[in-house]
Every structure is written in C-alpha cells, then in structure tokens.
Protein backbone atom coordinates (compact mmCIF):
# COMPACT_ATOMS: atom_id res chain seq x y z
CA UNK A 1 -6.28 21.67 9.17
CA UNK A 2 -3.34 20.74 11.44
CA UNK A 3 -0.02 21.59 9.95
CA UNK A 4 2.54 18.50 10.61
CA UNK A 5 4.78 21.28 12.51
CA UNK A 6 3.99 18.48 15.63
CA UNK A 7 5.13 15.60 13.85
CA UNK A 8 8.74 14.51 14.48
CA UNK A 9 8.84 10.97 12.84
CA UNK A 10 11.59 8.03 12.85
CA UNK A 11 10.92 6.44 9.36
CA UNK A 12 11.68 2.24 9.05
CA UNK A 13 10.55 1.32 5.63
CA UNK A 14 12.13 -1.34 3.88
CA UNK A 15 10.54 -3.71 0.63
CA UNK A 16 8.83 -6.40 1.55
CA UNK A 17 11.90 -8.96 0.89
CA UNK A 18 13.54 -6.67 3.26
CA UNK A 19 16.92 -5.68 0.98
CA UNK A 20 16.02 -2.51 -0.53
CA UNK A 21 16.19 0.17 2.50
CA UNK A 22 13.59 2.97 1.10
CA UNK A 23 13.26 5.12 4.47
CA UNK A 24 15.41 7.86 2.61
CA UNK A 25 11.97 8.21 0.03
CA UNK A 26 9.54 8.58 2.83
CA UNK A 27 11.76 11.11 5.55
CA UNK A 28 11.97 13.38 2.38
CA UNK A 29 8.29 13.60 1.90
CA UNK A 30 7.95 14.15 5.24
CA UNK A 31 10.78 17.05 5.45
CA UNK A 32 8.91 18.46 2.27
CA UNK A 33 5.57 18.39 4.58
CA UNK A 34 7.14 20.40 7.13
CA UNK A 35 7.85 17.70 9.84
CA UNK A 36 11.03 17.35 11.84
CA UNK A 37 12.73 13.33 10.86
CA UNK A 38 14.79 11.84 13.54
CA UNK A 39 17.31 9.35 12.87
CA UNK A 40 16.80 7.61 16.20
CA UNK A 41 14.02 6.19 17.86
CA UNK A 42 14.00 9.05 21.47
CA UNK A 43 12.12 10.50 23.71
CA UNK A 44 11.28 13.45 21.54
CA UNK A 45 9.87 10.83 18.31
CA UNK A 46 5.76 11.11 17.86
CA UNK A 47 5.91 8.99 14.85
CA UNK A 48 7.05 5.68 13.50
CA UNK A 49 6.61 5.01 9.75
CA UNK A 50 7.09 1.87 9.84
CA UNK A 51 7.04 -1.22 6.62
CA UNK A 52 8.72 -4.53 6.87
CA UNK A 53 11.20 -2.91 9.43
CA UNK A 54 13.10 -4.27 11.95
CA UNK A 55 11.34 -6.01 14.93
CA UNK A 56 13.04 -4.18 17.77
CA UNK A 57 11.98 -0.54 16.23
CA UNK A 58 8.36 -2.11 16.93
CA UNK A 59 8.61 -3.12 19.90
CA UNK A 60 10.55 -0.04 21.09
CA UNK A 61 7.65 2.30 19.48
CA UNK A 62 5.15 -0.22 21.02
CA UNK A 63 6.62 0.39 24.62
CA UNK A 64 7.26 4.19 24.15
CA UNK A 65 3.78 4.34 23.00
CA UNK A 66 3.95 6.68 20.08
CA UNK A 67 2.04 6.49 16.68
CA UNK A 68 3.37 3.78 14.99
CA UNK A 69 2.19 4.30 11.39
CA UNK A 70 2.17 3.05 7.63
CA UNK A 71 3.61 4.59 4.43
CA UNK A 72 -0.20 5.16 3.40
CA UNK A 73 -0.24 7.51 6.41
CA UNK A 74 2.62 9.45 5.01
CA UNK A 75 1.13 9.35 1.37
CA UNK A 76 -2.36 10.48 2.26
CA UNK A 77 -1.15 13.32 4.68
CA UNK A 78 0.55 14.30 1.70
CA UNK A 79 -2.04 14.19 -0.85
CA UNK A 80 -4.89 15.97 1.47
CA UNK A 81 -2.26 18.68 2.82
CA UNK A 82 -3.77 17.82 6.20
CA UNK A 83 -2.72 15.81 9.20
CA UNK A 84 -5.06 12.47 8.60
CA UNK A 85 -6.11 10.35 11.46
CA UNK A 86 -3.17 7.73 12.30
CA UNK A 87 -5.60 5.52 13.35
CA UNK A 88 -7.04 4.71 9.75
CA UNK A 89 -3.36 3.85 8.65
CA UNK A 90 -1.84 1.07 11.23
CA UNK A 91 1.19 -0.06 10.62
CA UNK A 92 0.99 -3.64 10.07
CA UNK A 93 3.92 -5.60 12.51
CA UNK A 94 4.80 -8.23 9.56
CA UNK A 95 6.45 -10.51 12.09
CA UNK A 96 3.83 -11.43 13.89
CA UNK A 97 1.14 -10.40 11.20
CA UNK A 98 -1.48 -8.49 13.84
CA UNK A 99 -2.09 -4.99 12.96
CA UNK A 100 -1.61 -2.57 15.94
CA UNK A 101 -5.30 -2.17 17.20
CA UNK A 102 -5.56 -6.49 17.75
CA UNK A 103 -2.10 -6.53 19.38
CA UNK A 104 -3.20 -3.79 21.83
CA UNK A 105 -6.37 -5.62 22.58
CA UNK A 106 -4.15 -8.77 22.83
CA UNK A 107 -1.99 -7.17 25.71
CA UNK A 108 -5.08 -5.97 27.37
CA UNK A 109 -6.81 -9.55 27.50
CA UNK A 110 -3.67 -11.68 28.07
CA UNK A 111 -1.38 -9.68 30.62
C-alpha cells in the first residue's frame, strides 16, 4: 500500500446549492491521512478535491493536468487506508455536467 505522503491537495468542496463551504472538513481528513493541503492551486498541487466548486478551479486544474477527484476518493482512501486509484472517483464539473473522462475525450476529438 502506498502512503498518502505524495499527495498535495487543494480542496474546493461546497454544498450542492453552493452556499456552504465544506472544504475544511475534507482538508482535515486529508491531513489526518498524512497528505499535505495547499491553500492555493499552485504548481506543487497533485490532487484537486472538487465538488460543486468554482469553475475557475476546475479549468485551472485541467490546464495544469493535476488529478481532479471527488470527495468519495478521500473517503475511500480514509476507509481503506490505501492510496485508491483516482480514476475510479473522477470529480464531475457540475457546471457542464460532463464527467472528466468524456470531457477529455471531447477535447481530443473536437480540438
């Protein structure tokens, strides 16, 4: 099992009506798991935990090529104590309603 030592995460997690910011909760969970948490989305960040967050975060993370994961990924890592495969828990950009995967495919075909 790989430790979460290599994870440097930026968290952008909100309630579905976008009024409550839940990022702190997940930042704490990540810290408890031994990951590092960044207050800004900078070049050191490896993972963005995203749920109903800002479109700017989503776009920047995609441009940077970092892993964008859902809150379920954090919970699964915490439950199992191992570094779970990120591709199993892709975040969804609710602004577009497209899962990350199909967005990548679309970009590839329609460039």
